[in-house]
Amino acid sequence: MRFLFKTDYEDDIKLFPHSGYVVSYGLLLAVLLIAPYVLSSYLMSQLVFVCIYATVGVALMILTGFTGQASLGHAAFLAIGAYTAAYLQKYNVPFPVYFLAAGVLTGCIGALVGFPALRLQGIYLVIATISFAFIVEEILARWESVTNGNEGMRVKALSLLGVTVSRDSPTFYFLCLAVLVLTIVGTLNLLRSPTGRAFVAIRDSETAARSMGVNVALYKVKSFAISAAITGFAGVLFAHKLSFISPEMFTLQLSIEFIIVILIGGTFSLHGAVLGAIFIVMLDPFLTYLKDDMPGIIAGIAAMFGAGTATVANVQSKVAAFASLNGLKGAIYGIIIMLFVLFEPLGIYGRWLKIKLFFQLFPLYKRATFKRQKIYVKSERNR
């Protein structure tokens, strides 16, 4: 058990609170670096998607988790980054140039979206971001001279320092991992800066933030721009990984998946973005397993308990029919959101904090330790 005694301001803003963090993160990084040489190509492909989804999760966390601005339009920012890469690639623009260009363009568009959203809060802001996502999806489908419309665009393998990097190569995995690590480290430093503290102040109370001299409008636009730019970077990697992009790939469901990433992992934890991304990426393989293997397993269990041949066949067909339902994935998303909102608003990382604190304080742990006190000043009650 380790107790931290902070004696000055520098202790409060350290990137690593103590040496244990350096050791644990160092070991994790070492495991990730050797992963391409010990894991199968399928698992490596899944790890690449985890890195991309986690990068978008961190970007969305800056906007939603730390600034308090809800968004259901990040699939549109991902699409802008992906299509920027695909379009510039046709003119033989080098990868570093169109990678940065995609982030800058997406960040500028994010800032433009942030301006009309300044007077919106809550459900109205969500509706505005959904509208933006629909507009972008329609533009991608109709602007055929640039996007090829619904026919989509092919994305060639990226070229880095004159070397072609395949989407299934270890180099591409290392590139995605590097972008994720830089995004997390950059976000940690952003949150320790005056800008990040202004974001958190806006999230907690716009009235209090204004009273402390925070330009709320400016920082909201900054938050939209930074979040969109990071998502644009992820969009470039997403396009290269899929090697083909089309408008129907960037739908509202993808934006909902990004929201689930931060809900499951934890809205206020950068670690949670990675945990949520792992869950989302592994859900499709789980559904495939449920459809292909689970009916036979359950039928075998029924036969083991003495069920007749007809009964076993009936059980197997019913389980297979259930696993093949069209809306099963959406239903699972809905149940997950409901359960986490009701029972664990802090997500998986929040549950880990509670478990860790339980063992640190045992037997003096109190169940109400994380309970939020419902005390408001009069100016905040009607927000």
Protein backbone atom coordinates (compact mmCIF):
# COMPACT_ATOMS: atom_id res chain seq x y z
CA MET A 1 0.00 0.00 0.00
CA ARG A 2 1.37 3.43 -0.92
CA PHE A 3 0.21 6.74 0.55
CA LEU A 4 1.14 9.98 -1.19
CA PHE A 5 1.85 13.05 0.91
CA LYS A 6 1.86 16.14 -1.30
CA THR A 7 3.91 19.00 0.05
CA ASP A 8 3.91 21.51 -2.82
CA TYR A 9 2.08 22.44 -6.01
CA GLU A 10 4.53 20.51 -8.21
CA ASP A 11 3.44 17.26 -6.52
CA ASP A 12 -0.12 17.91 -7.64
CA ILE A 13 0.73 18.25 -11.34
CA LYS A 14 3.33 15.51 -11.77
CA LEU A 15 2.83 13.38 -14.87
CA PHE A 16 3.69 10.29 -12.81
CA PRO A 17 2.65 10.61 -9.12
CA HIS A 18 5.28 8.07 -8.02
CA SER A 19 7.85 5.63 -9.40
CA GLY A 20 5.34 2.77 -9.43
CA TYR A 21 3.56 4.41 -12.35
CA VAL A 22 6.80 4.56 -14.33
CA VAL A 23 7.46 0.85 -13.75
CA SER A 24 3.89 -0.29 -14.56
CA TYR A 25 3.57 1.85 -17.68
CA GLY A 26 7.06 0.81 -18.78
CA LEU A 27 6.11 -2.87 -18.50
CA LEU A 28 2.85 -2.26 -20.37
CA LEU A 29 4.69 -0.45 -23.17
CA ALA A 30 7.21 -3.30 -23.39
CA VAL A 31 4.38 -5.82 -23.75
CA LEU A 32 2.77 -3.74 -26.48
CA LEU A 33 6.06 -3.42 -28.35
CA ILE A 34 6.66 -7.18 -28.47
CA ALA A 35 2.99 -7.97 -29.24
CA PRO A 36 3.43 -8.06 -33.08
CA TYR A 37 6.01 -10.81 -32.76
CA VAL A 38 3.98 -13.15 -30.52
CA LEU A 39 0.34 -12.56 -31.50
CA SER A 40 -1.56 -13.68 -34.59
CA SER A 41 -2.34 -11.31 -37.45
CA TYR A 42 -6.02 -11.27 -36.43
CA LEU A 43 -5.27 -10.14 -32.88
CA MET A 44 -2.84 -7.54 -34.18
CA SER A 45 -5.57 -6.19 -36.45
CA GLN A 46 -7.85 -5.91 -33.43
CA LEU A 47 -5.13 -4.10 -31.48
CA VAL A 48 -4.82 -1.57 -34.31
CA PHE A 49 -8.54 -0.84 -34.10
CA VAL A 50 -8.22 -0.54 -30.31
CA CYS A 51 -5.53 2.12 -30.80
CA ILE A 52 -7.66 4.04 -33.32
CA TYR A 53 -10.86 3.84 -31.25
CA ALA A 54 -8.99 4.76 -28.07
CA THR A 55 -7.52 7.83 -29.82
CA VAL A 56 -11.02 8.98 -30.76
CA GLY A 57 -12.16 8.15 -27.21
CA VAL A 58 -9.49 10.43 -25.74
CA ALA A 59 -10.50 13.18 -28.19
CA LEU A 60 -14.16 12.84 -27.23
CA MET A 61 -13.21 12.77 -23.55
CA ILE A 62 -11.56 16.20 -23.90
CA LEU A 63 -14.83 17.60 -25.21
CA THR A 64 -17.41 15.64 -23.23
CA GLY A 65 -15.61 14.37 -20.13
CA PHE A 66 -13.46 17.38 -19.29
CA THR A 67 -15.36 20.29 -20.88
CA GLY A 68 -18.88 18.97 -20.42
CA GLN A 69 -19.96 19.46 -24.06
CA ALA A 70 -21.94 16.49 -25.35
CA SER A 71 -21.35 15.34 -28.93
CA LEU A 72 -22.83 12.68 -31.16
CA GLY A 73 -21.06 13.87 -34.28
CA HIS A 74 -17.53 12.55 -33.96
CA ALA A 75 -18.06 10.03 -36.74
CA ALA A 76 -18.27 13.07 -39.04
CA PHE A 77 -14.88 14.36 -37.84
CA LEU A 78 -13.44 10.88 -38.38
CA ALA A 79 -14.88 10.92 -41.91
CA ILE A 80 -13.36 14.33 -42.68
CA GLY A 81 -9.93 13.12 -41.64
CA ALA A 82 -10.29 9.90 -43.64
CA TYR A 83 -11.51 11.59 -46.82
CA THR A 84 -8.83 14.30 -46.58
CA ALA A 85 -6.18 11.58 -46.57
CA ALA A 86 -7.79 9.70 -49.45
CA TYR A 87 -8.21 12.86 -51.57
CA LEU A 88 -4.69 14.22 -51.06
CA GLN A 89 -3.21 10.80 -51.64
CA LYS A 90 -4.47 10.95 -55.25
CA TYR A 91 -2.05 13.86 -55.83
CA ASN A 92 0.91 11.98 -54.34
CA VAL A 93 1.06 14.16 -51.24
CA PRO A 94 3.44 12.59 -48.68
CA PHE A 95 1.94 10.89 -45.64
CA PRO A 96 3.28 13.36 -43.02
CA VAL A 97 1.79 16.27 -44.98
CA TYR A 98 -1.71 14.88 -45.46
CA PHE A 99 -1.70 13.46 -41.93
CA LEU A 100 -1.12 16.96 -40.51
CA ALA A 101 -3.45 18.51 -43.09
CA ALA A 102 -6.28 16.19 -42.05
CA GLY A 103 -5.84 17.20 -38.39
CA VAL A 104 -5.69 20.92 -39.17
CA LEU A 105 -8.72 20.85 -41.50
CA THR A 106 -10.78 18.78 -39.07
CA GLY A 107 -9.76 21.06 -36.20
CA CYS A 108 -10.86 24.15 -38.14
CA ILE A 109 -14.21 22.56 -38.97
CA GLY A 110 -14.57 21.55 -35.31
CA ALA A 111 -14.02 25.19 -34.31
CA LEU A 112 -16.68 26.29 -36.80
CA VAL A 113 -19.10 23.76 -35.29
CA GLY A 114 -18.22 25.05 -31.84
CA PHE A 115 -19.30 28.63 -32.60
CA PRO A 116 -23.02 27.99 -33.22
CA ALA A 117 -23.01 25.49 -30.36
CA LEU A 118 -21.97 28.13 -27.81
CA ARG A 119 -25.53 28.90 -26.78
CA LEU A 120 -26.61 25.26 -26.67
CA GLN A 121 -26.44 22.85 -23.75
CA GLY A 122 -27.53 19.33 -22.95
CA ILE A 123 -29.93 17.66 -25.35
CA TYR A 124 -29.97 20.68 -27.69
CA LEU A 125 -26.20 20.44 -28.19
CA VAL A 126 -26.55 16.71 -28.86
CA ILE A 127 -29.19 17.46 -31.52
CA ALA A 128 -26.91 20.07 -33.11
CA THR A 129 -23.97 17.63 -33.36
CA ILE A 130 -26.23 14.91 -34.77
CA SER A 131 -27.41 17.40 -37.41
CA PHE A 132 -23.80 18.18 -38.26
CA ALA A 133 -23.07 14.46 -38.67
CA PHE A 134 -26.04 14.07 -41.03
CA ILE A 135 -24.91 17.08 -43.07
CA VAL A 136 -21.39 15.68 -43.45
CA GLU A 137 -22.72 12.26 -44.41
CA GLU A 138 -24.93 13.85 -47.07
CA ILE A 139 -22.05 15.96 -48.42
CA LEU A 140 -19.86 12.87 -48.71
CA ALA A 141 -22.60 11.12 -50.66
CA ARG A 142 -23.40 14.05 -52.99
CA TRP A 143 -20.00 15.69 -53.65
CA GLU A 144 -19.01 13.05 -56.17
CA SER A 145 -16.21 15.03 -57.82
CA VAL A 146 -14.23 14.88 -54.57
CA THR A 147 -15.55 11.88 -52.64
CA ASN A 148 -16.82 9.59 -55.46
CA GLY A 149 -20.19 9.62 -53.72
CA ASN A 150 -21.60 6.29 -52.59
CA GLU A 151 -19.05 4.42 -54.69
CA GLY A 152 -16.45 5.27 -52.07
CA MET A 153 -12.70 5.78 -52.39
CA ARG A 154 -9.78 3.42 -52.36
CA VAL A 155 -6.96 4.26 -49.98
CA LYS A 156 -3.49 3.11 -50.95
CA ALA A 157 -0.98 1.83 -48.42
CA LEU A 158 0.86 4.74 -46.81
CA SER A 159 4.47 5.51 -47.68
CA LEU A 160 6.71 6.49 -44.79
CA LEU A 161 10.27 7.66 -45.51
CA GLY A 162 10.07 6.06 -48.93
CA VAL A 163 8.98 2.70 -47.57
CA THR A 164 5.49 1.31 -48.26
CA VAL A 165 3.79 0.36 -45.00
CA SER A 166 1.12 -2.33 -45.28
CA ARG A 167 -1.98 -2.02 -43.12
CA ASP A 168 -1.22 -5.46 -41.60
CA SER A 169 2.46 -4.83 -40.93
CA PRO A 170 4.01 -4.32 -37.47
CA THR A 171 5.14 -0.87 -38.62
CA PHE A 172 1.56 0.29 -39.09
CA TYR A 173 0.67 -1.06 -35.64
CA PHE A 174 3.61 0.83 -34.12
CA LEU A 175 2.45 3.99 -35.92
CA CYS A 176 -1.07 3.67 -34.47
CA LEU A 177 0.35 2.91 -31.02
CA ALA A 178 2.65 5.94 -31.23
CA VAL A 179 -0.27 8.21 -32.17
CA LEU A 180 -2.29 6.86 -29.21
CA VAL A 181 0.58 7.28 -26.75
CA LEU A 182 1.32 10.83 -27.96
CA THR A 183 -2.39 11.66 -27.76
CA ILE A 184 -2.66 10.41 -24.17
CA VAL A 185 0.56 12.13 -23.03
CA GLY A 186 -0.43 15.33 -24.82
CA THR A 187 -3.89 15.28 -23.26
CA LEU A 188 -2.41 14.70 -19.79
CA ASN A 189 -0.19 17.74 -20.26
CA LEU A 190 -3.12 19.72 -21.65
CA LEU A 191 -5.20 18.94 -18.56
CA ARG A 192 -2.35 20.08 -16.30
CA SER A 193 -2.13 23.40 -18.16
CA PRO A 194 -4.30 26.52 -17.61
CA THR A 195 -6.30 25.56 -20.70
CA GLY A 196 -7.16 22.13 -19.31
CA ARG A 197 -8.08 23.56 -15.92
CA ALA A 198 -10.35 26.04 -17.69
CA PHE A 199 -12.04 23.11 -19.48
CA VAL A 200 -12.71 21.38 -16.16
CA ALA A 201 -13.96 24.62 -14.61
CA ILE A 202 -16.47 25.03 -17.45
CA ARG A 203 -17.65 21.46 -16.99
CA ASP A 204 -18.17 21.88 -13.25
CA SER A 205 -19.85 25.30 -13.39
CA GLU A 206 -19.92 27.85 -16.19
CA THR A 207 -21.05 30.52 -13.73
CA ALA A 208 -18.09 29.90 -11.43
CA ALA A 209 -15.72 29.75 -14.40
CA ARG A 210 -16.89 33.15 -15.64
CA SER A 211 -16.50 34.61 -12.17
CA MET A 212 -12.84 33.50 -12.21
CA GLY A 213 -12.22 35.25 -15.53
CA VAL A 214 -12.45 32.24 -17.85
CA ASN A 215 -13.57 33.15 -21.37
CA VAL A 216 -16.16 30.37 -21.63
CA ALA A 217 -16.93 30.88 -25.33
CA LEU A 218 -13.26 30.84 -26.33
CA TYR A 219 -12.46 27.68 -24.39
CA LYS A 220 -15.52 25.83 -25.66
CA VAL A 221 -14.42 26.52 -29.24
CA LYS A 222 -10.88 25.44 -28.32
CA SER A 223 -12.22 22.20 -26.90
CA PHE A 224 -14.22 21.47 -30.05
CA ALA A 225 -11.19 22.26 -32.25
CA ILE A 226 -8.72 20.11 -30.26
CA SER A 227 -11.15 17.19 -30.02
CA ALA A 228 -11.95 17.34 -33.74
CA ALA A 229 -8.26 17.60 -34.74
CA ILE A 230 -7.30 14.48 -32.78
CA THR A 231 -10.26 12.65 -34.32
CA GLY A 232 -9.05 13.76 -37.76
CA PHE A 233 -5.65 12.19 -37.10
CA ALA A 234 -7.41 8.96 -36.10
CA GLY A 235 -9.48 9.20 -39.31
CA VAL A 236 -6.32 9.02 -41.43
CA LEU A 237 -5.23 5.81 -39.68
CA PHE A 238 -8.79 4.46 -39.92
CA ALA A 239 -8.83 5.02 -43.68
CA HIS A 240 -5.49 3.28 -44.18
CA LYS A 241 -6.50 0.34 -42.03
CA LEU A 242 -9.72 -0.25 -43.97
CA SER A 243 -8.14 0.67 -47.36
CA PHE A 244 -11.63 1.67 -48.59
CA ILE A 245 -14.01 4.32 -47.29
CA SER A 246 -17.59 5.26 -48.17
CA PRO A 247 -20.25 7.52 -46.59
CA GLU A 248 -22.26 4.67 -45.04
CA MET A 249 -19.27 3.74 -42.87
CA PHE A 250 -19.51 6.99 -40.87
CA THR A 251 -23.03 6.80 -39.50
CA LEU A 252 -24.70 7.78 -36.24
CA GLN A 253 -24.08 4.29 -34.89
CA LEU A 254 -20.31 4.90 -35.11
CA SER A 255 -20.72 8.10 -33.08
CA ILE A 256 -22.74 6.15 -30.51
CA GLU A 257 -19.93 3.60 -30.32
CA PHE A 258 -17.49 6.40 -29.49
CA ILE A 259 -19.81 7.56 -26.73
CA ILE A 260 -19.95 4.00 -25.40
CA VAL A 261 -16.14 3.91 -25.41
CA ILE A 262 -15.97 6.69 -22.82
CA LEU A 263 -19.08 5.58 -20.93
CA ILE A 264 -17.77 2.08 -20.38
CA GLY A 265 -14.20 3.06 -19.68
CA GLY A 266 -14.96 6.10 -17.57
CA THR A 267 -15.87 9.62 -18.65
CA PHE A 268 -13.06 11.27 -16.65
CA SER A 269 -10.26 8.72 -17.20
CA LEU A 270 -7.87 8.52 -20.14
CA HIS A 271 -7.17 4.92 -19.14
CA GLY A 272 -10.90 4.35 -19.50
CA ALA A 273 -10.81 5.33 -23.18
CA VAL A 274 -8.49 2.38 -23.84
CA LEU A 275 -10.64 0.00 -21.78
CA GLY A 276 -13.79 1.14 -23.59
CA ALA A 277 -12.09 0.76 -26.98
CA ILE A 278 -11.08 -2.81 -26.13
CA PHE A 279 -14.69 -3.60 -25.24
CA ILE A 280 -16.13 -2.10 -28.44
CA VAL A 281 -13.58 -3.77 -30.71
CA MET A 282 -14.04 -7.19 -29.09
CA LEU A 283 -17.86 -7.04 -29.21
CA ASP A 284 -18.06 -8.07 -32.88
CA PRO A 285 -15.85 -11.17 -32.40
CA PHE A 286 -18.00 -12.05 -29.38
CA LEU A 287 -21.19 -11.79 -31.44
CA THR A 288 -19.59 -13.98 -34.13
CA TYR A 289 -18.71 -16.55 -31.47
CA LEU A 290 -22.25 -16.31 -30.10
CA LYS A 291 -23.67 -16.97 -33.56
CA ASP A 292 -21.32 -19.72 -34.73
CA ASP A 293 -20.26 -21.66 -31.63
CA MET A 294 -22.66 -20.94 -28.78
CA PRO A 295 -25.69 -22.84 -30.24
CA GLY A 296 -23.62 -26.03 -30.44
CA ILE A 297 -22.25 -25.56 -26.91
CA ILE A 298 -25.70 -25.02 -25.40
CA ALA A 299 -27.09 -27.98 -27.36
CA GLY A 300 -24.24 -30.13 -26.04
CA ILE A 301 -25.04 -29.06 -22.48
CA ALA A 302 -28.71 -29.91 -23.02
CA ALA A 303 -27.74 -33.35 -24.36
CA MET A 304 -25.46 -33.90 -21.36
CA PHE A 305 -28.42 -33.37 -19.04
CA GLY A 306 -30.45 -36.04 -20.85
CA ALA A 307 -32.44 -34.01 -23.38
CA GLY A 308 -33.75 -35.93 -26.38
CA THR A 309 -32.51 -35.48 -29.94
CA ALA A 310 -35.54 -33.41 -30.96
CA THR A 311 -35.22 -31.20 -27.88
CA VAL A 312 -31.50 -30.65 -28.49
CA ALA A 313 -32.15 -29.68 -32.12
CA ASN A 314 -34.93 -27.33 -31.05
CA VAL A 315 -32.71 -25.65 -28.43
CA GLN A 316 -29.88 -25.27 -30.93
CA SER A 317 -32.14 -23.67 -33.56
CA LYS A 318 -33.65 -21.23 -31.06
CA VAL A 319 -30.24 -20.14 -29.75
CA ALA A 320 -28.98 -19.73 -33.32
CA ALA A 321 -32.05 -17.64 -34.22
CA PHE A 322 -31.52 -15.42 -31.17
CA ALA A 323 -27.82 -14.95 -31.93
CA SER A 324 -28.66 -13.94 -35.53
CA LEU A 325 -31.15 -11.19 -34.65
CA ASN A 326 -30.49 -8.00 -36.61
CA GLY A 327 -30.88 -5.64 -33.67
CA LEU A 328 -28.86 -7.66 -31.17
CA LYS A 329 -25.81 -5.40 -31.27
CA GLY A 330 -27.90 -2.27 -30.74
CA ALA A 331 -29.78 -3.94 -27.89
CA ILE A 332 -26.49 -4.85 -26.22
CA TYR A 333 -25.32 -1.23 -26.55
CA GLY A 334 -28.55 0.02 -24.99
CA ILE A 335 -28.38 -2.40 -22.06
CA ILE A 336 -24.72 -1.54 -21.43
CA ILE A 337 -25.39 2.20 -21.40
CA MET A 338 -28.35 1.78 -19.07
CA LEU A 339 -26.44 -0.46 -16.64
CA PHE A 340 -23.38 1.77 -16.47
CA VAL A 341 -25.41 4.95 -16.06
CA LEU A 342 -27.48 3.39 -13.28
CA PHE A 343 -24.87 1.40 -11.37
CA GLU A 344 -21.39 2.63 -12.33
CA PRO A 345 -21.35 6.15 -13.82
CA LEU A 346 -17.56 6.27 -13.49
CA GLY A 347 -17.14 3.27 -15.80
CA ILE A 348 -14.68 0.39 -15.58
CA TYR A 349 -11.89 2.65 -14.37
CA GLY A 350 -14.16 4.03 -11.66
CA ARG A 351 -14.89 0.48 -10.48
CA TRP A 352 -11.14 -0.19 -10.34
CA LEU A 353 -10.64 2.94 -8.20
CA LYS A 354 -13.28 1.72 -5.78
CA ILE A 355 -11.73 -1.73 -5.54
CA LYS A 356 -8.28 -0.23 -4.96
CA LEU A 357 -9.57 2.18 -2.32
CA PHE A 358 -11.44 -0.64 -0.59
CA PHE A 359 -8.22 -2.57 -0.01
CA GLN A 360 -6.33 0.58 0.98
CA LEU A 361 -8.86 1.56 3.65
CA PHE A 362 -10.01 -1.91 4.77
CA PRO A 363 -11.74 -2.31 7.21
CA LEU A 364 -12.61 1.42 7.36
CA TYR A 365 -14.01 1.74 3.82
CA LYS A 366 -17.40 3.47 3.58
CA ARG A 367 -19.83 2.71 0.77
CA ALA A 368 -20.75 6.39 0.48
CA THR A 369 -17.16 7.44 -0.29
CA PHE A 370 -17.90 8.15 -3.97
CA LYS A 371 -21.45 9.41 -3.49
CA ARG A 372 -21.90 12.85 -4.96
CA GLN A 373 -23.26 15.45 -2.58
CA LYS A 374 -26.34 17.13 -4.03
CA ILE A 375 -25.59 20.63 -2.82
CA TYR A 376 -26.02 23.52 -5.22
CA VAL A 377 -25.84 27.26 -4.99
CA LYS A 378 -29.02 29.04 -5.97
CA SER A 379 -27.65 30.18 -9.35
CA GLU A 380 -26.94 26.56 -10.36
CA ARG A 381 -30.30 24.96 -9.56
CA ASN A 382 -32.07 25.99 -12.74
CA ARG A 383 -29.30 25.16 -15.23
